[in-house]
């Protein structure tokens, strides 16, 4: 699969729907809405890239200090037993393994501002090892699938929104979110591993997986026995302490190696700036296509069709109110967040729809955005099965979210 066909598909479907509206109802406004959406989303894409510039400069500067100070190499040796199995194409103890370790850790802790620039640096390093520069490698696909699955231990932002909107117990969705996002991640890794013929039952993978499962079980037990808001507050504090510790640790390691820490930071920051500029066209392209698709009404028709089929099957349709968040999540993080807030505002934060919207918001990442951002940063055009498998994992996570909301709150 190529981004070219995906991009064309959004526009063609949107145009067909708009023409249909014009012929059947005489709706001319839809074309105005679509044109306005192109300008708005293009500006949004640029603003997102501009916002990433400072963060990328900061974190790629810190990463360069870590590379020259030997910290990334240490992380690479630590993560090599696991990553060597999941990413068999990578040379043993390659520095990119250390960068992956940091990216996954930042994602688990909910530190998106750190995870994204580190992830972009991972893609750059993977591209250097990629023999076909316009085609995604197996390692890139596995890395993207894990990132798109959005595994996060404690979704602080969602809990914050629930508290602001008056939820009786803002953290009551924590366990369903954790379980649903775990389903999404397991499905993503399993699908890609089967396609790439990676043995998941190897001890190097099963032992760390068991440790992660035990840790997650411990977090769930803690949320059951202690005040959830207090745990969430402590988790945020611990994550921020770890972040500052990492930055300071990198600087100290650089001093021990007697490198010029300031120059190393500047060198990395320059790469961060150039990466931010490079992704602007790719980000604008995918955001414009998605915005046109929404403005044409194609998204609404898709939702209506799903609602009709659900009712036709005799299945309870109460959860269908969360469909806007479900359908928006792979396309736009901002759009999905708006849909989640709208659902809680209209139906109540403690309603089934309000809770399900929150669970869905925390279950996966914005797959199309992640693909455009990461692949665009290294000019990958042929993404192979990366998007297909990630969307299947998204679907699995959302189905799990529906079952879990009924199991916990139905």
Protein backbone atom coordinates (compact mmCIF):
# COMPACT_ATOMS: atom_id res chain seq x y z
CA UNK A 1 0.00 0.00 0.00
CA UNK A 2 1.23 3.53 -0.77
CA UNK A 3 0.32 6.86 0.78
CA UNK A 4 -0.52 8.01 -2.75
CA UNK A 5 -3.54 5.69 -3.00
CA UNK A 6 -4.71 6.52 0.52
CA UNK A 7 -4.53 10.24 -0.19
CA UNK A 8 -6.36 9.92 -3.52
CA UNK A 9 -9.01 7.70 -1.89
CA UNK A 10 -9.94 10.33 0.69
CA UNK A 11 -10.37 12.99 -1.98
CA UNK A 12 -12.30 10.81 -4.43
CA UNK A 13 -14.77 9.56 -1.81
CA UNK A 14 -15.27 13.12 -0.55
CA UNK A 15 -15.88 14.46 -4.07
CA UNK A 16 -18.35 11.68 -4.93
CA UNK A 17 -20.32 12.35 -1.72
CA UNK A 18 -20.33 16.10 -2.38
CA UNK A 19 -21.52 15.65 -5.97
CA UNK A 20 -24.22 13.28 -4.74
CA UNK A 21 -25.43 15.92 -2.27
CA UNK A 22 -25.49 18.53 -5.02
CA UNK A 23 -27.50 16.37 -7.43
CA UNK A 24 -29.93 14.95 -4.87
CA UNK A 25 -30.51 17.91 -2.53
CA UNK A 26 -29.04 20.90 -4.34
CA UNK A 27 -26.54 21.41 -1.49
CA UNK A 28 -23.92 23.84 -2.79
CA UNK A 29 -22.60 24.75 0.66
CA UNK A 30 -20.78 21.43 0.94
CA UNK A 31 -18.21 22.58 -1.64
CA UNK A 32 -17.61 25.78 0.33
CA UNK A 33 -17.15 23.70 3.49
CA UNK A 34 -14.66 21.45 1.73
CA UNK A 35 -12.62 24.38 0.40
CA UNK A 36 -12.62 26.07 3.82
CA UNK A 37 -11.52 22.76 5.36
CA UNK A 38 -8.48 22.61 3.06
CA UNK A 39 -7.26 26.02 4.21
CA UNK A 40 -7.97 25.37 7.88
CA UNK A 41 -6.30 21.95 7.94
CA UNK A 42 -3.29 23.20 5.95
CA UNK A 43 -2.80 25.90 8.58
CA UNK A 44 -3.24 23.32 11.34
CA UNK A 45 -0.64 21.04 9.76
CA UNK A 46 1.85 23.89 9.59
CA UNK A 47 1.10 24.96 13.18
CA UNK A 48 1.60 21.39 14.43
CA UNK A 49 4.95 21.19 12.61
CA UNK A 50 5.92 24.59 13.96
CA UNK A 51 5.01 23.47 17.47
CA UNK A 52 7.14 20.36 17.03
CA UNK A 53 10.18 22.40 16.01
CA UNK A 54 11.15 23.47 19.52
CA UNK A 55 10.40 20.05 21.04
CA UNK A 56 12.35 18.26 18.31
CA UNK A 57 15.30 20.63 18.68
CA UNK A 58 15.31 20.06 22.45
CA UNK A 59 15.03 16.28 22.47
CA UNK A 60 17.28 15.54 19.49
CA UNK A 61 19.84 17.80 21.14
CA UNK A 62 19.52 15.77 24.36
CA UNK A 63 19.71 12.53 22.36
CA UNK A 64 22.93 13.69 20.68
CA UNK A 65 24.48 14.28 24.11
CA UNK A 66 23.33 10.77 25.10
CA UNK A 67 24.88 9.25 21.98
CA UNK A 68 28.24 10.90 22.47
CA UNK A 69 28.14 10.26 26.22
CA UNK A 70 27.55 6.52 25.70
CA UNK A 71 24.12 6.40 27.36
CA UNK A 72 22.26 5.32 24.22
CA UNK A 73 24.79 2.54 23.73
CA UNK A 74 24.10 1.36 27.30
CA UNK A 75 20.34 1.36 26.62
CA UNK A 76 21.01 -0.58 23.41
CA UNK A 77 22.86 -3.32 25.29
CA UNK A 78 20.10 -3.43 27.93
CA UNK A 79 17.30 -3.75 25.37
CA UNK A 80 19.17 -5.93 22.89
CA UNK A 81 17.82 -9.34 24.07
CA UNK A 82 14.20 -8.24 23.50
CA UNK A 83 14.61 -5.90 20.55
CA UNK A 84 16.94 -8.33 18.84
CA UNK A 85 14.00 -10.76 18.57
CA UNK A 86 11.33 -8.21 17.60
CA UNK A 87 13.66 -6.46 15.16
CA UNK A 88 15.88 -9.25 13.77
CA UNK A 89 17.12 -7.06 10.89
CA UNK A 90 18.95 -4.69 13.22
CA UNK A 91 22.67 -5.16 13.94
CA UNK A 92 23.37 -6.33 17.49
CA UNK A 93 23.67 -3.49 20.04
CA UNK A 94 22.99 -0.86 17.37
CA UNK A 95 22.34 2.61 18.91
CA UNK A 96 18.83 2.68 17.41
CA UNK A 97 17.84 0.00 19.94
CA UNK A 98 18.62 2.41 22.76
CA UNK A 99 16.52 5.10 21.08
CA UNK A 100 13.63 2.63 20.70
CA UNK A 101 13.91 1.73 24.38
CA UNK A 102 13.55 5.41 25.30
CA UNK A 103 10.66 5.95 22.89
CA UNK A 104 8.62 3.03 24.22
CA UNK A 105 9.37 4.05 27.82
CA UNK A 106 8.21 7.62 27.15
CA UNK A 107 5.01 6.34 25.54
CA UNK A 108 4.28 4.06 28.50
CA UNK A 109 4.68 7.00 30.87
CA UNK A 110 2.40 9.19 28.73
CA UNK A 111 5.25 11.59 27.86
CA UNK A 112 4.16 12.36 24.28
CA UNK A 113 6.34 15.47 24.03
CA UNK A 114 9.41 13.31 24.57
CA UNK A 115 8.24 10.17 22.73
CA UNK A 116 7.54 11.86 19.38
CA UNK A 117 10.95 13.49 18.78
CA UNK A 118 12.73 10.36 19.99
CA UNK A 119 10.54 8.29 17.64
CA UNK A 120 11.43 10.55 14.72
CA UNK A 121 15.10 10.04 15.55
CA UNK A 122 14.48 6.26 15.54
CA UNK A 123 12.98 6.50 12.04
CA UNK A 124 15.99 8.45 10.85
CA UNK A 125 18.36 5.78 12.17
CA UNK A 126 16.24 2.96 10.71
CA UNK A 127 16.26 4.72 7.35
CA UNK A 128 20.07 4.69 7.39
CA UNK A 129 19.89 0.87 7.67
CA UNK A 130 17.11 0.58 5.07
CA UNK A 131 18.33 -0.69 1.68
CA UNK A 132 15.19 0.57 -0.14
CA UNK A 133 14.89 4.21 0.77
CA UNK A 134 11.34 4.73 -0.55
CA UNK A 135 9.91 1.55 1.05
CA UNK A 136 9.24 0.84 4.72
CA UNK A 137 11.51 -1.85 6.16
CA UNK A 138 10.26 -4.63 8.43
CA UNK A 139 11.78 -2.87 11.43
CA UNK A 140 10.03 0.38 10.56
CA UNK A 141 6.67 -1.39 10.29
CA UNK A 142 7.06 -3.13 13.65
CA UNK A 143 8.12 0.12 15.30
CA UNK A 144 5.20 2.05 13.76
CA UNK A 145 2.68 -0.65 14.69
CA UNK A 146 3.74 -0.55 18.35
CA UNK A 147 3.59 3.26 18.40
CA UNK A 148 0.21 3.41 16.65
CA UNK A 149 -1.26 0.98 19.19
CA UNK A 150 -0.77 3.68 21.82
CA UNK A 151 0.05 1.62 24.92
CA UNK A 152 0.07 4.03 27.90
CA UNK A 153 0.02 3.07 31.57
CA UNK A 154 -1.88 6.03 32.99
CA UNK A 155 -3.82 8.37 30.61
CA UNK A 156 -3.45 11.51 32.70
CA UNK A 157 -5.02 13.86 30.11
CA UNK A 158 -8.24 11.86 29.87
CA UNK A 159 -8.58 11.70 33.66
CA UNK A 160 -8.06 15.46 33.77
CA UNK A 161 -10.84 16.13 31.25
CA UNK A 162 -13.21 13.85 33.17
CA UNK A 163 -12.47 15.72 36.39
CA UNK A 164 -13.06 19.09 34.71
CA UNK A 165 -16.43 17.93 33.35
CA UNK A 166 -17.65 16.77 36.75
CA UNK A 167 -17.23 12.97 36.69
CA UNK A 168 -18.06 11.41 40.07
CA UNK A 169 -14.90 9.28 39.87
CA UNK A 170 -12.68 10.59 37.03
CA UNK A 171 -10.30 7.61 37.23
CA UNK A 172 -12.95 4.87 36.98
CA UNK A 173 -12.10 4.39 33.28
CA UNK A 174 -8.44 3.70 34.00
CA UNK A 175 -8.60 -0.11 34.10
CA UNK A 176 -10.80 -0.44 30.95
CA UNK A 177 -8.44 1.92 29.09
CA UNK A 178 -5.38 -0.07 30.17
CA UNK A 179 -6.95 -3.39 29.16
CA UNK A 180 -8.27 -2.08 25.82
CA UNK A 181 -4.95 -0.50 24.81
CA UNK A 182 -3.18 -3.71 25.85
CA UNK A 183 -5.44 -5.63 23.43
CA UNK A 184 -4.58 -3.17 20.66
CA UNK A 185 -0.84 -3.48 21.26
CA UNK A 186 -0.89 -7.30 21.48
CA UNK A 187 -2.87 -7.53 18.22
CA UNK A 188 -0.51 -5.11 16.45
CA UNK A 189 2.66 -6.94 17.54
CA UNK A 190 1.17 -10.37 16.82
CA UNK A 191 -0.01 -9.48 13.30
CA UNK A 192 3.31 -7.94 12.31
CA UNK A 193 5.29 -10.78 13.93
CA UNK A 194 3.30 -13.42 12.04
CA UNK A 195 3.80 -11.55 8.75
CA UNK A 196 7.53 -11.20 9.40
CA UNK A 197 7.82 -14.77 10.77
CA UNK A 198 9.08 -13.69 14.17
CA UNK A 199 8.83 -16.32 16.93
CA UNK A 200 6.88 -14.69 19.75
CA UNK A 201 7.24 -17.68 22.06
CA UNK A 202 10.98 -17.16 22.42
CA UNK A 203 12.07 -16.87 26.07
CA UNK A 204 13.68 -13.51 25.33
CA UNK A 205 10.17 -12.18 24.58
CA UNK A 206 7.93 -14.20 26.90
CA UNK A 207 9.84 -13.37 30.11
CA UNK A 208 9.75 -9.55 29.59
CA UNK A 209 6.10 -9.84 28.46
CA UNK A 210 5.28 -11.70 31.67
CA UNK A 211 7.04 -9.01 33.72
CA UNK A 212 5.06 -6.28 31.96
CA UNK A 213 1.83 -8.23 32.56
CA UNK A 214 2.67 -8.54 36.28
CA UNK A 215 3.48 -4.85 36.48
CA UNK A 216 0.18 -3.93 34.81
CA UNK A 217 -1.65 -6.28 37.19
CA UNK A 218 0.05 -4.50 40.08
CA UNK A 219 -1.04 -1.10 38.75
CA UNK A 220 -4.63 -2.38 38.41
CA UNK A 221 -4.57 -3.72 41.99
CA UNK A 222 -3.23 -0.41 43.25
CA UNK A 223 -6.08 1.43 41.54
CA UNK A 224 -8.57 -0.94 43.17
CA UNK A 225 -7.21 -0.61 46.72
CA UNK A 226 -6.02 3.01 46.88
CA UNK A 227 -7.39 6.42 45.96
CA UNK A 228 -7.17 6.58 42.16
CA UNK A 229 -6.75 10.34 41.89
CA UNK A 230 -3.83 10.22 44.31
CA UNK A 231 -2.19 7.42 42.33
CA UNK A 232 -2.68 9.36 39.09
CA UNK A 233 -1.10 12.46 40.68
CA UNK A 234 1.86 10.41 41.96
CA UNK A 235 2.26 8.78 38.53
CA UNK A 236 2.47 12.21 36.88
CA UNK A 237 5.04 13.36 39.43
CA UNK A 238 7.14 10.20 39.00
CA UNK A 239 7.04 10.51 35.19
CA UNK A 240 8.25 14.12 35.33
CA UNK A 241 10.96 13.27 37.87
CA UNK A 242 12.19 10.46 35.58
CA UNK A 243 12.20 12.84 32.62
CA UNK A 244 14.36 15.43 34.37
CA UNK A 245 16.58 12.64 35.70
CA UNK A 246 17.14 11.33 32.16
CA UNK A 247 18.08 14.79 30.88
CA UNK A 248 20.46 15.39 33.79
CA UNK A 249 21.89 11.88 33.47
CA UNK A 250 22.68 12.46 29.80
CA UNK A 251 24.48 15.71 30.62
CA UNK A 252 26.49 14.09 33.44
CA UNK A 253 27.42 11.18 31.13
CA UNK A 254 28.62 13.70 28.56
CA UNK A 255 30.78 15.42 31.18
CA UNK A 256 32.28 12.07 32.22
CA UNK A 257 33.20 11.38 28.59
CA UNK A 258 34.75 14.87 28.44
CA UNK A 259 32.69 15.89 25.41
CA UNK A 260 31.56 19.45 24.67
CA UNK A 261 27.98 19.02 25.91
CA UNK A 262 26.78 22.36 24.56
CA UNK A 263 28.11 21.71 21.04
CA UNK A 264 26.63 18.21 21.05
CA UNK A 265 23.24 19.66 22.00
CA UNK A 266 23.43 22.28 19.23
CA UNK A 267 24.33 19.64 16.62
CA UNK A 268 21.33 17.53 17.60
CA UNK A 269 19.04 20.55 17.79
CA UNK A 270 19.94 21.51 14.22
CA UNK A 271 18.85 18.05 13.07
CA UNK A 272 15.62 18.51 15.00
CA UNK A 273 14.90 21.78 13.22
CA UNK A 274 15.55 20.31 9.76
CA UNK A 275 13.36 17.27 10.58
CA UNK A 276 10.48 19.54 11.63
CA UNK A 277 10.70 21.44 8.33
CA UNK A 278 10.88 18.20 6.33
CA UNK A 279 7.61 16.78 7.71
CA UNK A 280 5.49 19.89 6.94
CA UNK A 281 4.41 18.81 3.39
CA UNK A 282 3.56 15.26 4.48
CA UNK A 283 1.57 16.40 7.49
CA UNK A 284 -0.32 19.06 5.53
CA UNK A 285 -1.16 16.53 2.79
CA UNK A 286 -2.75 13.93 5.09
CA UNK A 287 -4.56 16.48 7.28
CA UNK A 288 -6.08 18.22 4.25
CA UNK A 289 -7.31 14.89 2.85
CA UNK A 290 -8.90 13.94 6.18
CA UNK A 291 -10.50 17.37 6.58
CA UNK A 292 -12.06 17.22 3.10
CA UNK A 293 -13.39 13.74 3.86
CA UNK A 294 -15.07 15.04 7.03
CA UNK A 295 -16.39 18.27 5.49
CA UNK A 296 -18.03 16.41 2.59
CA UNK A 297 -20.23 14.49 5.03
CA UNK A 298 -18.66 11.13 4.17
CA UNK A 299 -17.85 10.56 7.84
CA UNK A 300 -21.49 11.15 8.83
CA UNK A 301 -22.75 8.70 6.21
CA UNK A 302 -20.28 6.10 7.44
CA UNK A 303 -21.53 6.53 11.00
CA UNK A 304 -25.18 6.30 9.94
CA UNK A 305 -24.46 3.11 8.00
CA UNK A 306 -22.77 1.46 10.97
CA UNK A 307 -25.63 2.48 13.28
CA UNK A 308 -28.18 0.98 10.89
CA UNK A 309 -26.27 -2.31 10.62
CA UNK A 310 -25.91 -2.57 14.41
CA UNK A 311 -29.65 -2.04 14.89
CA UNK A 312 -30.40 -4.52 12.10
CA UNK A 313 -28.41 -7.20 13.94
CA UNK A 314 -30.47 -6.67 17.08
CA UNK A 315 -27.45 -5.47 19.08
CA UNK A 316 -27.81 -2.80 21.75
CA UNK A 317 -27.14 0.56 20.08
CA UNK A 318 -26.43 2.67 23.17
CA UNK A 319 -22.68 2.48 22.53
CA UNK A 320 -23.14 3.88 19.00
CA UNK A 321 -23.11 7.38 20.52
CA UNK A 322 -19.35 6.96 20.91
CA UNK A 323 -18.87 6.17 17.20
CA UNK A 324 -17.74 9.72 16.32
CA UNK A 325 -14.79 9.33 18.69
CA UNK A 326 -14.06 5.82 17.36
CA UNK A 327 -14.05 6.88 13.72
CA UNK A 328 -12.15 10.09 14.38
CA UNK A 329 -9.41 8.59 16.57
CA UNK A 330 -7.29 7.05 13.75
CA UNK A 331 -7.64 10.26 11.73
CA UNK A 332 -7.15 13.14 14.12
CA UNK A 333 -6.13 13.33 17.76
CA UNK A 334 -7.58 16.83 18.15
CA UNK A 335 -10.81 15.81 16.42
CA UNK A 336 -11.18 12.70 18.58
CA UNK A 337 -10.52 14.72 21.74
CA UNK A 338 -13.23 17.17 20.67
CA UNK A 339 -15.65 14.29 20.03
CA UNK A 340 -14.85 12.83 23.47
CA UNK A 341 -15.50 16.14 25.23
CA UNK A 342 -18.71 16.62 23.21
CA UNK A 343 -19.93 13.15 24.23
CA UNK A 344 -19.25 13.84 27.91
CA UNK A 345 -20.86 17.28 27.68
CA UNK A 346 -24.04 16.06 25.99
CA UNK A 347 -24.48 12.61 27.60
CA UNK A 348 -22.62 13.19 30.84
CA UNK A 349 -19.13 12.04 31.87
CA UNK A 350 -20.56 9.10 33.81
CA UNK A 351 -22.88 7.90 31.02
CA UNK A 352 -22.03 4.78 29.06
CA UNK A 353 -21.35 6.90 25.95
CA UNK A 354 -19.22 9.37 27.89
CA UNK A 355 -17.12 6.63 29.47
CA UNK A 356 -16.78 4.68 26.22
CA UNK A 357 -15.58 7.82 24.39
CA UNK A 358 -12.88 8.21 27.06
CA UNK A 359 -11.86 4.56 26.81
CA UNK A 360 -11.63 4.77 23.01
CA UNK A 361 -9.61 7.99 23.24
CA UNK A 362 -7.06 6.22 25.42
CA UNK A 363 -7.03 2.92 23.55
CA UNK A 364 -5.04 3.72 20.40
CA UNK A 365 -3.01 6.50 18.84
CA UNK A 366 -3.89 8.62 15.79
CA UNK A 367 -2.74 6.08 13.22
CA UNK A 368 -2.89 8.24 10.07
CA UNK A 369 -1.11 11.11 11.83
CA UNK A 370 1.58 8.79 13.18
CA UNK A 371 2.12 7.24 9.74
CA UNK A 372 2.29 10.63 8.00
CA UNK A 373 4.60 12.09 10.64
CA UNK A 374 7.04 9.18 10.98
CA UNK A 375 7.17 8.00 7.37
CA UNK A 376 7.13 11.58 6.10
CA UNK A 377 10.18 12.44 8.19
CA UNK A 378 12.26 9.96 6.15
CA UNK A 379 10.41 10.30 2.80
CA UNK A 380 8.94 6.77 2.83
CA UNK A 381 6.27 6.42 0.11
CA UNK A 382 5.59 2.66 0.06
CA UNK A 383 4.32 1.75 3.53
CA UNK A 384 3.43 -1.87 2.64
CA UNK A 385 1.10 -3.40 5.25
CA UNK A 386 1.90 -0.92 8.05
CA UNK A 387 -1.39 0.99 7.87
CA UNK A 388 -3.59 -2.07 7.30
CA UNK A 389 -2.28 -3.95 10.33
CA UNK A 390 -2.34 -0.84 12.52
CA UNK A 391 -5.99 -0.18 11.63
CA UNK A 392 -6.87 -3.82 12.40
CA UNK A 393 -5.20 -3.36 15.80
CA UNK A 394 -7.18 -0.14 16.27
CA UNK A 395 -10.39 -2.01 15.48
CA UNK A 396 -9.50 -4.76 17.95
CA UNK A 397 -8.87 -2.17 20.67
CA UNK A 398 -12.18 -0.43 19.98
CA UNK A 399 -14.15 -3.68 20.02
CA UNK A 400 -12.46 -4.50 23.32
CA UNK A 401 -13.42 -1.02 24.58
CA UNK A 402 -17.12 -1.68 23.81
CA UNK A 403 -17.07 -5.02 25.63
CA UNK A 404 -15.19 -3.55 28.60
CA UNK A 405 -17.52 -0.56 29.04
CA UNK A 406 -20.48 -2.95 29.28
CA UNK A 407 -18.54 -5.27 31.60
CA UNK A 408 -17.56 -2.46 33.98
CA UNK A 409 -20.45 0.00 33.66
CA UNK A 410 -23.26 -1.66 31.67
